[in-house]
Structure formats: C-alpha cells, structure tokens
N, C-alpha and C. Protein backbone atom coordinates (compact mmCIF):
# COMPACT_ATOMS: atom_id res chain seq x y z
N MET A 1 29.63 -84.63 84.87
CA MET A 1 30.89 -83.47 84.48
C MET A 1 30.88 -85.24 82.86
N ARG A 2 30.42 -84.24 81.63
CA ARG A 2 30.82 -84.74 80.72
C ARG A 2 31.80 -83.99 80.06
N ILE A 3 32.45 -85.06 79.42
CA ILE A 3 34.55 -84.40 78.60
C ILE A 3 33.87 -84.82 77.18
N LEU A 4 34.45 -83.74 76.04
CA LEU A 4 34.38 -83.96 74.78
C LEU A 4 36.06 -83.78 73.75
N CYS A 5 36.94 -84.90 74.08
CA CYS A 5 37.77 -84.49 73.58
C CYS A 5 38.60 -84.18 72.10
N ASP A 6 39.22 -83.12 71.53
CA ASP A 6 39.16 -83.02 70.46
C ASP A 6 40.34 -84.22 69.08
N VAL A 7 40.42 -84.33 67.75
CA VAL A 7 41.41 -84.77 67.34
C VAL A 7 42.58 -84.66 67.66
N HIS A 8 42.82 -83.98 67.85
CA HIS A 8 44.57 -84.01 68.61
C HIS A 8 44.51 -84.12 70.58
N ILE A 9 43.76 -84.18 70.85
CA ILE A 9 43.94 -85.62 72.96
C ILE A 9 43.87 -86.59 72.73
N PRO A 10 45.02 -87.87 72.54
CA PRO A 10 44.49 -88.61 73.11
C PRO A 10 43.55 -89.54 73.54
N TYR A 11 43.26 -90.43 73.06
CA TYR A 11 41.91 -91.38 73.57
C TYR A 11 42.65 -91.97 74.90
N ARG A 12 44.36 -91.84 75.12
CA ARG A 12 44.74 -92.66 76.85
C ARG A 12 43.79 -91.65 77.71
N LEU A 13 43.82 -90.04 77.17
CA LEU A 13 42.94 -88.99 77.98
C LEU A 13 41.65 -89.53 78.12
N VAL A 14 40.90 -89.90 77.57
CA VAL A 14 38.91 -90.33 77.72
C VAL A 14 39.13 -91.64 78.61
N ARG A 15 40.31 -92.35 78.37
CA ARG A 15 40.24 -94.05 79.35
C ARG A 15 40.42 -93.61 80.42
N HIS A 16 41.55 -92.61 81.08
CA HIS A 16 41.52 -91.44 82.03
C HIS A 16 40.47 -91.21 82.58
N LEU A 17 40.13 -90.59 82.17
CA LEU A 17 38.36 -89.85 82.78
C LEU A 17 37.46 -90.42 83.36
N ARG A 18 37.50 -91.80 81.83
CA ARG A 18 36.14 -92.67 82.43
C ARG A 18 36.63 -93.33 83.74
N THR A 19 38.06 -94.15 83.89
CA THR A 19 38.69 -94.53 85.19
C THR A 19 38.28 -93.57 86.27
N ARG A 20 37.62 -92.14 85.91
CA ARG A 20 37.49 -91.39 86.80
C ARG A 20 35.86 -91.30 87.56
N GLY A 21 34.85 -91.81 86.35
CA GLY A 21 33.67 -91.44 86.41
C GLY A 21 33.30 -91.01 85.66
N VAL A 22 33.69 -90.11 85.08
CA VAL A 22 34.06 -88.98 84.27
C VAL A 22 33.70 -89.15 82.67
N ASP A 23 32.18 -88.95 82.07
CA ASP A 23 31.70 -89.38 81.20
C ASP A 23 32.13 -88.85 79.86
N ALA A 24 33.01 -89.57 79.15
CA ALA A 24 34.04 -88.72 78.39
C ALA A 24 34.14 -89.80 77.18
N THR A 25 34.29 -89.03 76.08
CA THR A 25 34.54 -89.30 74.49
C THR A 25 35.39 -88.80 73.73
N HIS A 26 35.46 -88.86 72.90
CA HIS A 26 36.38 -88.29 71.76
C HIS A 26 35.97 -88.36 70.15
N VAL A 27 36.21 -86.75 69.86
CA VAL A 27 35.65 -86.40 68.55
C VAL A 27 35.24 -87.18 67.64
N ASN A 28 36.30 -88.17 67.65
CA ASN A 28 36.42 -89.03 66.32
C ASN A 28 35.48 -90.42 66.81
N ARG A 29 34.58 -89.74 67.90
CA ARG A 29 33.43 -91.50 67.73
C ARG A 29 32.06 -90.69 67.56
N ILE A 30 32.13 -89.33 67.40
CA ILE A 30 30.93 -88.78 67.20
C ILE A 30 30.72 -88.29 65.77
N LEU A 31 29.33 -88.23 65.53
CA LEU A 31 29.11 -87.56 64.08
C LEU A 31 30.12 -88.06 62.93
N ASP A 32 31.05 -86.71 62.39
CA ASP A 32 31.59 -87.22 61.51
C ASP A 32 33.34 -87.81 61.98
N GLY A 33 33.28 -87.80 62.85
CA GLY A 33 35.17 -88.49 62.99
C GLY A 33 35.77 -87.30 62.73
N TYR A 34 36.82 -86.92 62.99
CA TYR A 34 37.92 -86.14 62.85
C TYR A 34 38.07 -85.17 61.26
N HIS A 35 36.50 -85.84 60.05
CA HIS A 35 36.12 -84.95 59.53
C HIS A 35 35.36 -83.81 59.81
N THR A 36 34.71 -83.69 61.24
CA THR A 36 33.63 -83.24 61.80
C THR A 36 34.45 -81.54 61.77
N LYS A 37 33.36 -80.47 61.66
CA LYS A 37 33.79 -79.36 60.81
C LYS A 37 34.02 -78.16 62.69
N ASP A 38 34.14 -77.83 62.96
CA ASP A 38 35.05 -77.17 64.16
C ASP A 38 33.32 -76.59 64.12
N ALA A 39 32.94 -75.86 63.43
CA ALA A 39 31.59 -75.18 64.35
C ALA A 39 30.41 -76.75 65.06
N ASP A 40 30.32 -77.84 64.44
CA ASP A 40 29.66 -79.03 64.45
C ASP A 40 30.17 -79.37 65.41
N ILE A 41 31.17 -79.46 66.10
CA ILE A 41 32.01 -79.33 67.74
C ILE A 41 31.85 -78.89 68.14
N ALA A 42 31.30 -77.55 68.41
CA ALA A 42 30.91 -77.03 69.31
C ALA A 42 29.41 -77.15 69.75
N ARG A 43 29.02 -77.18 68.46
CA ARG A 43 27.48 -76.96 69.01
C ARG A 43 27.08 -78.35 69.63
N TYR A 44 27.89 -79.37 69.45
CA TYR A 44 27.46 -80.95 69.92
C TYR A 44 27.78 -80.38 71.22
N ALA A 45 28.83 -80.16 71.86
CA ALA A 45 29.47 -80.42 72.88
C ALA A 45 28.85 -79.37 74.03
N ASP A 46 27.69 -77.98 73.05
CA ASP A 46 26.88 -77.16 74.30
C ASP A 46 25.65 -77.86 74.28
N GLU A 47 25.06 -78.88 73.43
CA GLU A 47 24.27 -79.63 72.95
C GLU A 47 23.39 -81.03 73.98
N THR A 48 25.10 -81.48 74.55
CA THR A 48 25.42 -82.28 75.62
C THR A 48 26.16 -81.54 76.46
N GLU A 49 25.84 -80.78 76.79
CA GLU A 49 26.62 -79.73 78.15
C GLU A 49 28.20 -80.08 78.23
N SER A 50 29.02 -80.32 77.31
CA SER A 50 30.07 -81.39 77.92
C SER A 50 30.90 -80.17 77.39
N ILE A 51 32.32 -80.11 78.36
CA ILE A 51 33.48 -79.30 78.29
C ILE A 51 34.16 -80.05 77.46
N LEU A 52 34.95 -78.86 76.33
CA LEU A 52 35.50 -79.45 75.51
C LEU A 52 36.60 -79.10 75.27
N ILE A 53 38.23 -80.41 75.31
CA ILE A 53 39.19 -79.92 75.22
C ILE A 53 40.30 -80.21 74.14
N PRO A 54 40.37 -78.55 73.68
CA PRO A 54 40.83 -79.25 72.39
C PRO A 54 42.61 -78.27 72.33
N LYS A 55 43.20 -78.76 71.61
CA LYS A 55 44.90 -77.84 71.37
C LYS A 55 44.45 -76.55 70.22
N ASP A 56 43.60 -76.54 69.75
CA ASP A 56 43.27 -75.65 68.67
C ASP A 56 42.93 -74.42 69.30
N GLY A 57 43.05 -73.09 68.47
CA GLY A 57 43.34 -71.80 69.30
C GLY A 57 42.06 -71.41 68.87
N ASP A 58 41.04 -71.96 67.01
CA ASP A 58 39.94 -71.25 66.94
C ASP A 58 39.54 -71.62 68.01
N PHE A 59 38.65 -72.61 68.88
CA PHE A 59 37.93 -73.23 69.29
C PHE A 59 37.97 -72.08 70.77
N ARG A 60 38.67 -71.39 71.33
CA ARG A 60 38.74 -69.72 72.18
C ARG A 60 38.54 -68.77 71.82
N ASP A 61 39.49 -68.37 70.25
CA ASP A 61 38.24 -67.52 69.92
C ASP A 61 36.73 -67.80 69.84
N SER A 62 35.87 -68.18 68.98
CA SER A 62 34.35 -68.87 68.80
C SER A 62 34.19 -68.50 69.94
N HIS A 63 34.83 -68.93 71.32
CA HIS A 63 34.20 -69.07 72.82
C HIS A 63 34.20 -67.42 72.81
N LEU A 64 35.60 -66.91 72.72
CA LEU A 64 35.18 -64.87 73.26
C LEU A 64 33.98 -64.87 72.26
N LEU A 65 33.95 -64.93 70.91
CA LEU A 65 33.74 -63.87 69.99
C LEU A 65 31.81 -64.45 70.00
N ARG A 66 32.14 -65.66 70.51
CA ARG A 66 30.02 -66.32 70.10
C ARG A 66 29.46 -67.22 70.88
N GLY A 67 30.56 -67.40 72.41
CA GLY A 67 30.46 -68.01 73.39
C GLY A 67 30.07 -69.42 73.06
N ARG A 68 30.48 -69.37 71.96
CA ARG A 68 30.93 -71.29 71.27
C ARG A 68 31.41 -71.84 71.67
N PRO A 69 32.72 -72.78 71.62
CA PRO A 69 31.44 -73.66 72.50
C PRO A 69 31.62 -72.85 74.09
N ALA A 70 30.51 -73.67 74.71
CA ALA A 70 30.13 -72.51 75.74
C ALA A 70 31.40 -72.88 77.42
N ARG A 71 31.75 -73.95 77.04
CA ARG A 71 32.63 -74.60 78.39
C ARG A 71 33.51 -74.80 77.58
N LEU A 72 34.94 -75.46 78.12
CA LEU A 72 36.22 -75.44 76.85
C LEU A 72 37.71 -75.33 77.99
N LEU A 73 38.13 -75.85 77.88
CA LEU A 73 39.50 -76.87 78.58
C LEU A 73 40.58 -76.70 77.57
N ARG A 74 41.23 -75.29 76.79
CA ARG A 74 42.57 -75.13 75.60
C ARG A 74 43.28 -75.70 76.67
N VAL A 75 44.43 -77.23 75.69
CA VAL A 75 45.28 -77.27 76.57
C VAL A 75 46.67 -76.64 75.61
N THR A 76 47.22 -75.67 76.12
CA THR A 76 48.14 -74.70 75.40
C THR A 76 50.14 -75.41 75.44
N LEU A 77 49.94 -76.74 75.35
CA LEU A 77 50.80 -77.20 75.93
C LEU A 77 51.91 -77.72 74.39
N GLY A 78 51.65 -77.41 73.10
CA GLY A 78 52.34 -78.12 72.18
C GLY A 78 52.23 -79.93 72.25
N ASN A 79 53.47 -79.76 71.71
CA ASN A 79 53.82 -81.53 71.82
C ASN A 79 54.59 -81.71 73.41
N LEU A 80 53.58 -82.95 73.43
CA LEU A 80 54.12 -83.51 74.82
C LEU A 80 53.63 -85.19 74.61
N SER A 81 54.48 -85.60 76.21
CA SER A 81 53.65 -86.74 75.76
C SER A 81 52.47 -87.24 76.46
N ASN A 82 51.59 -88.60 76.22
CA ASN A 82 50.48 -88.93 76.19
C ASN A 82 50.52 -88.74 78.29
N THR A 83 51.34 -89.21 78.29
CA THR A 83 51.79 -89.51 80.17
C THR A 83 51.44 -88.68 80.91
N GLU A 84 52.28 -87.31 80.33
CA GLU A 84 52.64 -85.80 80.63
C GLU A 84 51.25 -85.39 80.97
N LEU A 85 50.34 -85.32 79.41
CA LEU A 85 48.97 -84.75 79.33
C LEU A 85 48.36 -84.95 80.36
N VAL A 86 48.36 -86.62 80.60
CA VAL A 86 47.01 -87.03 81.39
C VAL A 86 47.51 -86.67 83.22
N GLU A 87 48.66 -86.38 83.11
CA GLU A 87 49.41 -85.95 85.01
C GLU A 87 48.63 -84.95 84.65
N LEU A 88 49.10 -84.07 83.80
CA LEU A 88 48.78 -83.01 83.95
C LEU A 88 47.91 -82.81 84.74
N ILE A 89 46.87 -83.16 83.52
CA ILE A 89 44.82 -82.79 83.58
C ILE A 89 44.54 -83.33 85.42
N ALA A 90 45.21 -84.46 85.51
CA ALA A 90 44.74 -85.22 86.75
C ALA A 90 45.40 -84.22 88.34
N SER A 91 46.60 -83.66 87.90
CA SER A 91 47.08 -82.78 88.67
C SER A 91 46.04 -81.57 89.36
N HIS A 92 45.42 -81.12 88.11
CA HIS A 92 44.66 -79.81 88.15
C HIS A 92 42.97 -80.35 88.27
N TRP A 93 42.73 -81.51 87.96
CA TRP A 93 41.59 -82.22 88.25
C TRP A 93 40.03 -81.42 89.20
N ASN A 94 40.51 -81.54 90.61
CA ASN A 94 39.70 -81.11 91.68
C ASN A 94 39.37 -79.48 91.45
N GLU A 95 40.27 -78.69 91.44
CA GLU A 95 40.31 -77.32 91.16
C GLU A 95 38.87 -76.92 89.14
N LEU A 96 39.84 -77.45 88.17
CA LEU A 96 39.08 -78.27 87.03
C LEU A 96 38.20 -78.13 87.35
N GLU A 97 36.71 -79.03 87.80
CA GLU A 97 35.84 -79.27 88.35
C GLU A 97 35.42 -78.20 89.00
N ARG A 98 35.38 -77.99 90.00
CA ARG A 98 34.91 -76.40 91.13
C ARG A 98 34.31 -74.86 89.79
N LEU A 99 36.13 -74.77 88.61
CA LEU A 99 36.14 -73.58 87.94
C LEU A 99 34.83 -73.99 87.01
N PHE A 100 34.69 -75.42 86.83
CA PHE A 100 33.62 -75.12 85.53
C PHE A 100 32.19 -75.63 86.25
N GLU A 101 31.85 -75.91 87.35
CA GLU A 101 30.09 -75.92 88.09
C GLU A 101 29.84 -74.58 87.54
N ASP A 102 30.77 -73.26 87.40
CA ASP A 102 29.82 -71.82 87.18
C ASP A 102 30.30 -72.09 85.53
N SER A 103 29.65 -72.55 84.58
CA SER A 103 29.43 -71.99 82.73
C SER A 103 28.57 -71.64 82.58
N PRO A 104 29.30 -70.21 81.29
CA PRO A 104 29.67 -70.77 80.61
C PRO A 104 31.48 -70.65 80.97
N ARG A 105 32.47 -71.16 80.28
CA ARG A 105 33.61 -70.60 81.14
C ARG A 105 35.24 -71.30 80.08
N CYS A 106 36.08 -70.43 79.78
CA CYS A 106 37.28 -71.02 78.81
C CYS A 106 38.42 -70.52 79.64
N ILE A 107 39.07 -71.71 79.78
CA ILE A 107 39.81 -71.86 80.55
C ILE A 107 41.50 -72.73 79.59
N GLU A 108 42.88 -72.09 79.63
CA GLU A 108 43.45 -72.75 79.13
C GLU A 108 44.78 -73.00 80.45
N LEU A 109 45.38 -74.40 80.01
CA LEU A 109 46.11 -74.88 80.76
C LEU A 109 47.68 -75.52 80.33
N GLY A 110 48.67 -74.63 80.49
CA GLY A 110 49.25 -74.81 80.36
C GLY A 110 50.73 -75.03 80.91
N ARG A 111 52.18 -74.93 80.35
CA ARG A 111 52.74 -75.47 81.50
C ARG A 111 53.24 -74.26 83.17
N ASN A 112 52.57 -73.37 83.37
CA ASN A 112 52.67 -72.26 84.34
C ASN A 112 51.12 -72.94 84.65
N GLY A 113 50.00 -73.12 84.55
CA GLY A 113 48.79 -74.11 85.57
C GLY A 113 47.72 -73.67 84.36
N LEU A 114 46.57 -73.12 85.39
CA LEU A 114 45.42 -73.32 84.60
C LEU A 114 45.16 -71.33 84.33
N ARG A 115 44.93 -70.96 83.77
CA ARG A 115 44.80 -69.15 83.13
C ARG A 115 43.04 -69.41 82.84
N VAL A 116 42.28 -68.91 83.88
CA VAL A 116 41.10 -68.18 83.28
C VAL A 116 41.08 -67.25 82.36
N LEU A 117 40.10 -67.13 80.99
CA LEU A 117 39.81 -66.49 80.14
C LEU A 117 38.76 -65.02 80.93
N PRO A 118 38.21 -64.22 80.70
CA PRO A 118 37.48 -63.35 80.91
C PRO A 118 36.08 -64.03 80.04
N ARG A 119 34.69 -63.63 80.85
CA ARG A 119 33.88 -64.32 79.83
C ARG A 119 33.79 -63.82 79.17
N PRO A 120 32.84 -63.99 78.22
CA PRO A 120 32.78 -63.54 76.71
C PRO A 120 31.68 -62.58 77.34
N GLU A 121 31.79 -60.92 76.43
CA GLU A 121 30.66 -60.25 75.87
C GLU A 121 29.15 -60.68 75.31
N PRO A 122 28.20 -60.76 75.70
CA PRO A 122 27.07 -61.22 74.89
C PRO A 122 27.19 -59.76 74.00
N PRO A 123 26.95 -60.54 72.58
CA PRO A 123 26.52 -59.72 71.66
C PRO A 123 26.49 -58.49 71.82
N ALA A 124 26.86 -57.55 71.00
CA ALA A 124 25.45 -55.95 70.71
C ALA A 124 24.35 -56.82 70.28
N GLU A 125 23.50 -55.83 69.98
CA GLU A 125 22.09 -56.30 69.73
C GLU A 125 22.82 -55.08 67.90
N ARG A 126 22.09 -55.57 66.53
CA ARG A 126 22.09 -55.08 65.37
C ARG A 126 21.68 -54.31 65.36
N ARG A 127 21.91 -53.00 65.24
CA ARG A 127 21.34 -51.62 65.14
C ARG A 127 20.36 -51.20 63.39
N ARG A 128 19.33 -50.67 63.34
CA ARG A 128 18.65 -51.36 61.48
C ARG A 128 19.04 -49.89 61.29
C-alpha cells in the first residue's frame, strides 16, 4: 500500500505509517512541493497507485466528477492535533486497508468514523 499525504497533513502521519511498513510520502517531497497543483498531485497519486490523504474538498469533487485521484482518504475533521489524527487513522487502519483493496474508492474520515462515498459514474460519451 502506498500513501501520499497532502500539504495540510502532518509529516508525523507519514512517519507513523512508515513504522507500520507503509510506503508513505508527503507532497512537499515530490514534484514542486507545496507549490504543486492539485491536478498534478492527483495525477502523481494515480501514476504511483497511491492513496491520497488530503483535507481539501476539491480532491473529493475531482474524484466524484473525473475519477481522479482514483483512491482518496479525505480527512474531514478540521483542526485537530497531530496525535489525534495519527491515533484516529491508526484506529481505523485495518478497515481502511480492506476498503482500499477494491479501488477506485473515496472515503471520508470524520468524527463519526469512516464514510464510503459512492463510486463515480464513468463520464458519458459526448454526442456530436
């Protein structure tokens, strides 16, 4: 399993995931770092078959409309401590691994746990 953490996700989560044997990296370490555009981040996540972890709702919208990024774990908790975020993801880790075996998938992680969003419909062919 590969994880790509977006700019507003702490490095501490990357380090925690690596201790679990997960291939995790942070957006600040790839492409143009925190200057990388969302579309390029989504493309990179798909090319590397990574699960993107953002807080940004734009990635959810892109997933639902265009299917990019294909695998997304959106954190919908607002401001919380790094420790709380790491503990929350750790407490749901086994279920997340199971759910992401079947991709593409968009999951939101909030105070009430995990919410699996419906799969995006493939775009209809344009009529001429």
